[in-house]
Amino acid sequence: MLWANDDVFAEKENLIKPGAPEYQPATFGHKGQIYDGWETRRRRGATSDSHDCAIVRLGVPGIIRGVVVDTAWFTGNYPPEISVEAAFVEGYPTPEELAHDVQWTTIVERRAVNGDTRNPFAVESPRRWTHVRLAIYPDGGVARLRVHGEGLLDPRFTELPLDLAALENGGRITACSNMFYSSPNNLLLPGAARTMGEGWETSRRRDAGNDWVQVRLAGQGVLAAAELDTSYFIGNAPGSARLRGRDGDGEWFDLVPLTDLQPDTKHRFLIEPSTGSAHPVTEVRLDIHPDGGMARLRLFGRLTSEGLRRLTERWEASA
């Protein structure tokens, strides 16, 4: 969930929660009955075109085959009509950029929906999409939004090889500037983080410096791509990050130059030959500016012949 114009009664993040919506009668918070969904305030003086909307970034780019707008448990407060738009956007745009600089295409025309109902809609578009925008007319509550389809692998990433930073492959943390809230070893754990607590988070800096972590790779390798995952870090993600590498005790060189990051986002970067993919590395340093948290760090590459030889020697020596 990236953005919603209003979620006074129930937060937008509920739209993409796994599992079926739940409901407990007479459970009131300071804003009223608690709903397991997204609910906006009542619009006053609404016209036929008045609406609320929310924007979702899809897990992967893909072709959308169908959308489900589930109004479970919303009976007197569901929206009478909805529509759904989609967009394909390179990179990691901000909500403001999505609102003003992106061309949206309607994939579900404005349609009536029923309350307390799973409302499915087929989508015929053959195009690939990265974001969807749900509009509700004029206001109300939706429990879940499901976008079904087929993920598409970006052909630019088809050569992605081994994660040389992964703990399970032999990567390890060798140094870190700060681990006040959680360990940097979490960065290299297998699988996706499930909560913010399963990542690495530093304390808040009050000086002009920045935090960093250093990783020794599984072996000497040539890197092709990096993944910087800020999942679950929303108000405390780093503003930007930089990746550098070196071979042994050599000089550090850029792999990914200083680049802005978005909260709660899995960023994937190709490492171009001009910035280091032609050079072998044994260590990588991640600088985050100025501080904050990150869920996972992935460094995809291939071992050099020398790296493979050393790895084989260590394997055989450990028999």
Protein backbone atom coordinates (compact mmCIF):
# COMPACT_ATOMS: atom_id res chain seq x y z
CA MET A 1 0.00 0.00 0.00
CA LEU A 2 1.46 3.31 -1.09
CA TRP A 3 -1.24 5.91 -0.57
CA ALA A 4 -4.88 6.71 0.08
CA ASN A 5 -6.54 10.10 0.11
CA ASP A 6 -8.44 9.19 3.30
CA ASP A 7 -8.49 6.38 5.85
CA VAL A 8 -10.01 8.06 8.87
CA PHE A 9 -11.94 5.03 10.13
CA ALA A 10 -9.75 2.09 9.08
CA GLU A 11 -6.25 2.08 7.64
CA LYS A 12 -5.50 1.38 3.98
CA GLU A 13 -2.93 -1.33 4.81
CA ASN A 14 -5.78 -3.70 5.69
CA LEU A 15 -6.66 -3.93 1.99
CA ILE A 16 -3.71 -6.22 1.27
CA LYS A 17 -3.57 -8.22 4.50
CA PRO A 18 -3.34 -11.98 3.93
CA GLY A 19 -6.28 -14.06 5.03
CA ALA A 20 -10.00 -13.41 5.18
CA PRO A 21 -11.37 -10.28 6.87
CA GLU A 22 -12.48 -10.68 10.47
CA TYR A 23 -15.17 -8.91 12.46
CA GLN A 24 -16.05 -8.62 16.12
CA PRO A 25 -19.29 -6.77 16.89
CA ALA A 26 -19.30 -3.96 19.41
CA THR A 27 -15.54 -3.47 19.31
CA PHE A 28 -15.21 0.29 19.36
CA GLY A 29 -12.08 2.39 19.20
CA HIS A 30 -11.79 6.13 19.51
CA LYS A 31 -12.90 6.47 15.86
CA GLY A 32 -15.87 4.11 16.08
CA GLN A 33 -16.46 0.43 15.25
CA ILE A 34 -13.18 -1.28 14.36
CA TYR A 35 -13.22 -2.78 10.84
CA ASP A 36 -10.69 -5.13 9.28
CA GLY A 37 -10.51 -3.15 6.04
CA TRP A 38 -10.10 0.32 4.56
CA GLU A 39 -12.80 2.83 5.46
CA THR A 40 -13.02 6.52 4.62
CA ARG A 41 -15.08 9.26 6.23
CA ARG A 42 -18.52 10.27 4.93
CA ARG A 43 -18.32 12.77 2.12
CA ARG A 44 -20.57 15.82 2.42
CA GLY A 45 -21.93 17.59 -0.64
CA ALA A 46 -20.65 14.78 -2.85
CA THR A 47 -21.26 14.90 -6.61
CA SER A 48 -21.63 11.87 -8.87
CA ASP A 49 -17.91 12.00 -9.62
CA SER A 50 -16.77 12.36 -6.01
CA HIS A 51 -14.66 9.46 -4.87
CA ASP A 52 -11.92 8.21 -2.57
CA CYS A 53 -9.00 6.17 -3.86
CA ALA A 54 -5.99 4.09 -2.82
CA ILE A 55 -2.83 3.07 -4.69
CA VAL A 56 -1.17 -0.34 -4.43
CA ARG A 57 2.22 -1.36 -5.81
CA LEU A 58 2.03 -4.94 -7.08
CA GLY A 59 4.45 -7.50 -5.68
CA VAL A 60 5.93 -8.03 -9.15
CA PRO A 61 5.21 -6.62 -12.60
CA GLY A 62 2.59 -8.75 -14.27
CA ILE A 63 -0.45 -9.26 -16.46
CA ILE A 64 -3.66 -8.80 -14.49
CA ARG A 65 -6.40 -11.36 -15.15
CA GLY A 66 -8.90 -10.38 -12.48
CA VAL A 67 -9.64 -8.14 -9.51
CA VAL A 68 -11.67 -8.89 -6.40
CA VAL A 69 -13.15 -6.05 -4.34
CA ASP A 70 -14.26 -7.68 -1.11
CA THR A 71 -16.67 -5.66 1.05
CA ALA A 72 -16.95 -8.32 3.79
CA TRP A 73 -18.63 -7.03 6.96
CA PHE A 74 -19.30 -3.61 5.40
CA THR A 75 -23.11 -3.45 5.21
CA GLY A 76 -24.38 0.08 5.80
CA ASN A 77 -21.07 1.70 4.92
CA TYR A 78 -19.83 0.04 1.72
CA PRO A 79 -19.27 2.03 -1.51
CA PRO A 80 -22.10 1.59 -4.06
CA GLU A 81 -19.64 1.67 -6.99
CA ILE A 82 -15.94 1.12 -7.71
CA SER A 83 -13.45 1.37 -10.56
CA VAL A 84 -9.88 0.14 -10.96
CA GLU A 85 -7.01 1.66 -12.94
CA ALA A 86 -3.50 0.36 -13.58
CA ALA A 87 -0.12 1.72 -14.62
CA PHE A 88 3.32 0.41 -15.53
CA VAL A 89 6.12 2.52 -14.11
CA GLU A 90 9.87 1.93 -14.18
CA GLY A 91 11.76 2.39 -10.93
CA TYR A 92 10.27 3.37 -7.59
CA PRO A 93 8.05 6.45 -7.95
CA THR A 94 6.75 8.32 -4.93
CA PRO A 95 2.99 8.61 -4.32
CA GLU A 96 3.18 12.20 -5.52
CA GLU A 97 4.79 11.12 -8.79
CA LEU A 98 2.17 8.42 -9.25
CA ALA A 99 -0.60 10.95 -8.70
CA HIS A 100 0.69 13.61 -11.09
CA ASP A 101 3.24 12.15 -13.54
CA VAL A 102 1.81 8.75 -14.47
CA GLN A 103 -0.71 7.78 -17.15
CA TRP A 104 -3.36 5.52 -15.61
CA THR A 105 -5.44 3.08 -17.68
CA THR A 106 -8.87 1.84 -16.63
CA ILE A 107 -8.95 -1.96 -16.31
CA VAL A 108 -12.31 -2.20 -14.49
CA GLU A 109 -14.90 0.34 -15.57
CA ARG A 110 -17.05 1.98 -12.93
CA ARG A 111 -19.27 -0.82 -11.66
CA ALA A 112 -21.79 -1.41 -8.89
CA VAL A 113 -20.81 -3.59 -5.95
CA ASN A 114 -22.72 -5.21 -3.12
CA GLY A 115 -22.05 -4.92 0.58
CA ASP A 116 -20.63 -7.80 2.64
CA THR A 117 -19.76 -9.52 -0.67
CA ARG A 118 -16.77 -10.77 -2.59
CA ASN A 119 -17.16 -8.80 -5.86
CA PRO A 120 -15.00 -10.31 -8.69
CA PHE A 121 -14.20 -8.57 -11.98
CA ALA A 122 -12.43 -10.03 -15.02
CA VAL A 123 -9.65 -8.02 -16.67
CA GLU A 124 -8.94 -8.47 -20.38
CA SER A 125 -5.85 -6.28 -20.81
CA PRO A 126 -2.75 -8.10 -22.16
CA ARG A 127 -0.39 -5.38 -20.93
CA ARG A 128 1.92 -5.61 -17.93
CA TRP A 129 1.37 -3.44 -14.85
CA THR A 130 3.21 -2.47 -11.68
CA HIS A 131 0.56 -0.44 -9.81
CA VAL A 132 -3.21 -0.37 -9.40
CA ARG A 133 -5.50 2.40 -8.16
CA LEU A 134 -8.84 1.52 -6.57
CA ALA A 135 -11.54 4.22 -6.59
CA ILE A 136 -14.71 3.98 -4.48
CA TYR A 137 -17.77 6.16 -5.23
CA PRO A 138 -18.32 8.25 -3.23
CA ASP A 139 -16.89 6.83 0.02
CA GLY A 140 -17.14 3.89 2.40
CA GLY A 141 -15.30 0.71 3.26
CA VAL A 142 -13.59 -2.17 1.44
CA ALA A 143 -12.18 -5.12 3.39
CA ARG A 144 -9.72 -6.61 0.90
CA LEU A 145 -8.40 -5.92 -2.61
CA ARG A 146 -7.05 -8.90 -4.53
CA VAL A 147 -5.27 -8.56 -7.88
CA HIS A 148 -4.85 -11.91 -9.63
CA GLY A 149 -2.59 -12.49 -12.61
CA GLU A 150 0.74 -13.73 -13.90
CA GLY A 151 4.05 -12.36 -12.74
CA LEU A 152 6.49 -11.43 -15.51
CA LEU A 153 10.21 -11.82 -15.12
CA ASP A 154 12.06 -8.73 -16.33
CA PRO A 155 14.38 -10.08 -19.06
CA ARG A 156 17.10 -7.72 -17.89
CA PHE A 157 17.33 -9.84 -14.74
CA THR A 158 17.34 -13.30 -16.33
CA GLU A 159 21.05 -13.74 -15.72
CA LEU A 160 20.67 -13.33 -11.97
CA PRO A 161 22.95 -15.92 -10.38
CA LEU A 162 23.90 -16.76 -6.76
CA ASP A 163 23.29 -14.48 -3.78
CA LEU A 164 26.90 -14.14 -2.67
CA ALA A 165 25.90 -12.25 0.50
CA ALA A 166 23.47 -14.86 1.85
CA LEU A 167 24.35 -16.41 5.21
CA GLU A 168 23.33 -19.80 3.84
CA ASN A 169 25.92 -19.41 1.06
CA GLY A 170 28.72 -18.35 3.39
CA GLY A 171 28.36 -14.57 3.43
CA ARG A 172 28.76 -12.80 6.77
CA ILE A 173 28.75 -9.42 8.42
CA THR A 174 32.25 -8.23 9.34
CA ALA A 175 31.60 -4.69 10.64
CA CYS A 176 28.74 -2.33 11.42
CA SER A 177 28.43 1.27 12.60
CA ASN A 178 25.30 0.79 14.71
CA MET A 179 22.86 -1.99 15.62
CA PHE A 180 20.86 -0.33 18.36
CA TYR A 181 17.48 -1.90 17.54
CA SER A 182 18.36 -5.09 15.68
CA SER A 183 21.28 -7.09 14.34
CA PRO A 184 22.79 -6.50 10.89
CA ASN A 185 22.98 -10.29 10.50
CA ASN A 186 19.25 -10.15 9.78
CA LEU A 187 20.11 -8.54 6.43
CA LEU A 188 21.53 -11.83 5.15
CA LEU A 189 18.90 -14.24 6.47
CA PRO A 190 17.02 -16.47 4.01
CA GLY A 191 13.49 -15.62 2.97
CA ALA A 192 11.58 -12.38 3.22
CA ALA A 193 11.31 -10.43 6.46
CA ARG A 194 7.89 -10.80 8.10
CA THR A 195 8.09 -7.76 10.37
CA MET A 196 10.25 -4.69 10.88
CA GLY A 197 11.94 -6.50 13.76
CA GLU A 198 13.42 -9.05 11.36
CA GLY A 199 15.63 -6.47 9.66
CA TRP A 200 18.56 -4.25 10.68
CA GLU A 201 17.76 -0.92 12.32
CA THR A 202 20.02 1.77 13.75
CA SER A 203 19.34 4.47 16.31
CA ARG A 204 18.58 8.01 15.13
CA ARG A 205 21.70 9.96 14.24
CA ARG A 206 22.07 13.49 15.56
CA ASP A 207 25.26 14.33 13.68
CA ALA A 208 26.34 14.78 10.06
CA GLY A 209 27.50 11.20 9.56
CA ASN A 210 25.80 8.08 8.23
CA ASP A 211 25.46 4.43 9.21
CA TRP A 212 26.96 1.49 7.36
CA VAL A 213 27.47 -2.26 7.36
CA GLN A 214 30.20 -4.37 5.79
CA VAL A 215 29.70 -7.82 4.27
CA ARG A 216 32.26 -10.49 3.37
CA LEU A 217 30.94 -12.44 0.38
CA ALA A 218 30.79 -16.21 0.07
CA GLY A 219 33.82 -15.98 -2.19
CA GLN A 220 35.52 -13.72 -4.71
CA GLY A 221 32.92 -12.94 -7.32
CA VAL A 222 31.69 -10.54 -9.96
CA LEU A 223 28.37 -8.94 -9.03
CA ALA A 224 25.56 -8.41 -11.54
CA ALA A 225 22.74 -7.00 -9.42
CA ALA A 226 21.83 -5.90 -5.90
CA GLU A 227 18.59 -5.90 -3.96
CA LEU A 228 18.02 -3.38 -1.15
CA ASP A 229 14.80 -4.26 0.63
CA THR A 230 13.20 -1.73 3.01
CA SER A 231 10.04 -3.82 3.58
CA TYR A 232 8.14 -2.82 6.76
CA PHE A 233 10.37 0.21 7.31
CA ILE A 234 7.92 3.04 6.66
CA GLY A 235 8.75 6.06 8.80
CA ASN A 236 12.29 4.90 9.46
CA ALA A 237 13.70 3.77 6.10
CA PRO A 238 17.00 5.32 4.96
CA GLY A 239 16.66 8.29 2.65
CA SER A 240 19.36 6.97 0.34
CA ALA A 241 22.03 4.30 0.08
CA ARG A 242 25.33 3.52 -1.62
CA LEU A 243 27.06 0.20 -2.32
CA ARG A 244 30.83 -0.13 -2.68
CA GLY A 245 33.05 -3.15 -3.16
CA ARG A 246 36.69 -4.16 -2.94
CA ASP A 247 38.86 -7.19 -3.59
CA GLY A 248 40.83 -8.20 -0.53
CA ASP A 249 42.44 -5.11 0.99
CA GLY A 250 42.19 -3.11 -2.24
CA GLU A 251 40.55 0.26 -2.75
CA TRP A 252 36.78 0.65 -2.46
CA PHE A 253 34.89 1.40 -5.66
CA ASP A 254 31.22 2.11 -6.41
CA LEU A 255 28.84 -0.70 -7.28
CA VAL A 256 25.64 1.33 -6.86
CA PRO A 257 26.17 5.09 -6.50
CA LEU A 258 24.29 7.09 -3.88
CA THR A 259 20.63 6.52 -4.77
CA ASP A 260 17.36 7.61 -3.17
CA LEU A 261 15.31 4.86 -1.51
CA GLN A 262 11.58 4.51 -0.90
CA PRO A 263 10.00 3.15 2.29
CA ASP A 264 8.61 -0.40 2.37
CA THR A 265 10.05 -1.25 -1.06
CA LYS A 266 12.18 -3.99 -2.59
CA HIS A 267 14.70 -2.10 -4.76
CA ARG A 268 16.57 -3.99 -7.48
CA PHE A 269 19.61 -2.46 -9.18
CA LEU A 270 21.66 -3.75 -12.08
CA ILE A 271 25.38 -3.24 -11.49
CA GLU A 272 26.69 -1.75 -14.71
CA PRO A 273 30.23 -2.41 -15.99
CA SER A 274 31.04 1.29 -15.63
CA THR A 275 30.30 1.09 -11.89
CA GLY A 276 31.95 -2.15 -10.96
CA SER A 277 30.43 -5.29 -12.46
CA ALA A 278 33.63 -5.98 -14.39
CA HIS A 279 35.70 -6.04 -11.19
CA PRO A 280 35.93 -8.96 -8.73
CA VAL A 281 34.99 -8.26 -5.11
CA THR A 282 35.31 -10.11 -1.83
CA GLU A 283 33.73 -7.46 0.40
CA VAL A 284 30.85 -5.01 0.03
CA ARG A 285 30.00 -1.99 2.15
CA LEU A 286 26.44 -0.66 2.34
CA ASP A 287 26.17 2.99 3.42
CA ILE A 288 22.72 4.23 4.42
CA HIS A 289 22.05 7.96 4.73
CA PRO A 290 21.68 9.11 7.35
CA ASP A 291 20.31 6.18 9.39
CA GLY A 292 17.30 3.88 9.59
CA GLY A 293 16.43 0.30 8.82
CA MET A 294 16.59 -2.27 6.06
CA ALA A 295 15.01 -5.72 5.87
CA ARG A 296 17.32 -7.60 3.51
CA LEU A 297 20.44 -7.14 1.37
CA ARG A 298 20.96 -9.42 -1.63
CA LEU A 299 24.09 -9.36 -3.80
CA PHE A 300 23.73 -11.51 -6.91
CA GLY A 301 26.82 -12.57 -8.82
CA ARG A 302 29.06 -15.37 -9.97
CA LEU A 303 32.21 -16.66 -8.39
CA THR A 304 35.42 -16.01 -10.29
CA SER A 305 37.60 -18.99 -11.14
CA GLU A 306 39.83 -17.97 -8.24
CA GLY A 307 36.84 -17.63 -5.94
CA LEU A 308 35.58 -21.06 -6.96
CA ARG A 309 39.04 -22.57 -6.40
CA ARG A 310 39.24 -21.15 -2.87
CA LEU A 311 35.70 -22.24 -2.11
CA THR A 312 36.47 -25.76 -3.32
CA GLU A 313 39.56 -25.89 -1.15
CA ARG A 314 37.58 -24.84 1.92
CA TRP A 315 34.89 -27.42 1.11
CA GLU A 316 37.36 -30.24 0.69
CA ALA A 317 39.28 -29.18 3.78
CA SER A 318 36.11 -29.37 5.83
CA ALA A 319 35.33 -32.97 4.85
